[in-house]
Amino acid sequence: MKMLTTSLLTALMALGFAGSTMAASSQEANKAGKQAQTKAPEKSKMYRVKRGDTLVEIAAHYRVSVKEIMRLNNLRNADQIKVGMNLKLS
């Protein structure tokens, strides 16, 4: 069915009916679908602190700044992380 619709739209466009209602509504539907995809909420990335981890190493591995991790997790200094703690990374 999709192939038939695409072929029909292609034929209409070739005949100069590019501004037809079908072509316009198809374009609007595609645009609305793309907007819905781009506005999906971003999931927060989390990391569970393991023995020997440092904030500097975690930040470097996940390509986020130490300051950003501290801000997201309400940390005053890097020494506040503990084993088993879940850190927000984004």
Protein backbone atom coordinates (compact mmCIF):
# COMPACT_ATOMS: atom_id res chain seq x y z
CA MET A 1 0.00 0.00 0.00
CA LYS A 2 2.82 2.40 0.87
CA MET A 3 4.49 1.74 -2.49
CA LEU A 4 1.23 2.50 -4.30
CA THR A 5 0.83 5.76 -2.36
CA THR A 6 4.42 6.76 -3.08
CA SER A 7 4.01 5.93 -6.77
CA LEU A 8 0.79 7.93 -6.93
CA LEU A 9 2.41 10.94 -5.28
CA THR A 10 5.39 10.68 -7.63
CA ALA A 11 3.05 10.58 -10.64
CA LEU A 12 1.07 13.59 -9.37
CA MET A 13 4.25 15.55 -8.84
CA ALA A 14 5.50 14.67 -12.34
CA LEU A 15 2.22 15.93 -13.82
CA GLY A 16 2.58 19.26 -12.05
CA PHE A 17 0.23 18.57 -9.17
CA ALA A 18 2.96 18.97 -6.56
CA GLY A 19 0.73 21.38 -4.62
CA SER A 20 -2.15 18.93 -4.52
CA THR A 21 -3.99 18.26 -1.28
CA MET A 22 -2.63 14.71 -1.11
CA ALA A 23 0.98 15.81 -1.45
CA ALA A 24 0.53 18.62 1.06
CA SER A 25 -1.17 16.42 3.64
CA SER A 26 1.50 13.75 3.21
CA GLN A 27 4.25 16.32 3.73
CA GLU A 28 2.49 17.73 6.79
CA ALA A 29 2.13 14.23 8.27
CA ASN A 30 5.83 13.54 7.71
CA LYS A 31 6.79 16.87 9.30
CA ALA A 32 4.57 16.22 12.34
CA GLY A 33 6.07 12.74 12.74
CA LYS A 34 9.61 14.10 12.65
CA GLN A 35 8.79 16.80 15.21
CA ALA A 36 7.33 14.21 17.56
CA GLN A 37 10.51 12.14 17.28
CA THR A 38 12.83 15.05 17.99
CA LYS A 39 10.91 16.23 21.06
CA ALA A 40 11.19 12.94 22.96
CA PRO A 41 12.42 13.58 26.50
CA GLU A 42 16.04 12.65 27.09
CA LYS A 43 16.62 9.92 29.64
CA SER A 44 19.00 10.71 32.47
CA LYS A 45 22.19 8.70 32.35
CA MET A 46 23.16 7.19 35.67
CA TYR A 47 26.36 5.63 37.01
CA ARG A 48 26.84 3.54 40.16
CA VAL A 49 30.13 4.37 41.87
CA LYS A 50 32.51 1.44 42.25
CA ARG A 51 35.50 0.99 44.54
CA GLY A 52 38.45 3.04 43.28
CA ASP A 53 36.37 5.38 41.11
CA THR A 54 37.12 9.07 41.06
CA LEU A 55 34.91 11.84 39.80
CA VAL A 56 37.61 12.86 37.32
CA GLU A 57 37.77 9.35 35.80
CA ILE A 58 33.98 9.02 35.63
CA ALA A 59 33.67 12.44 33.98
CA ALA A 60 36.36 11.65 31.42
CA HIS A 61 34.85 8.26 30.57
CA TYR A 62 31.35 9.69 30.00
CA ARG A 63 32.61 12.93 28.42
CA VAL A 64 30.97 15.23 30.91
CA SER A 65 32.66 17.80 33.14
CA VAL A 66 33.31 17.20 36.81
CA LYS A 67 31.46 20.45 37.55
CA GLU A 68 28.38 19.20 35.68
CA ILE A 69 28.32 15.91 37.62
CA MET A 70 28.71 17.86 40.86
CA ARG A 71 25.89 20.23 39.90
CA LEU A 72 23.52 17.43 38.87
CA ASN A 73 24.15 15.55 42.12
CA ASN A 74 24.32 18.51 44.52
CA LEU A 75 27.91 17.74 45.51
CA ARG A 76 30.06 20.42 47.13
CA ASN A 77 33.35 18.65 46.44
CA ALA A 78 34.61 15.61 44.54
CA ASP A 79 35.41 13.72 47.75
CA GLN A 80 31.72 13.29 48.54
CA ILE A 81 31.23 10.29 46.24
CA LYS A 82 30.89 6.91 47.95
CA VAL A 83 30.85 3.31 46.71
CA GLY A 84 27.33 2.33 45.64
CA MET A 85 26.19 5.92 45.12
CA ASN A 86 24.15 6.53 41.94
CA LEU A 87 25.34 9.59 40.07
CA LYS A 88 23.34 11.47 37.46
CA LEU A 89 25.48 12.14 34.41
CA SER A 90 23.00 14.09 32.26
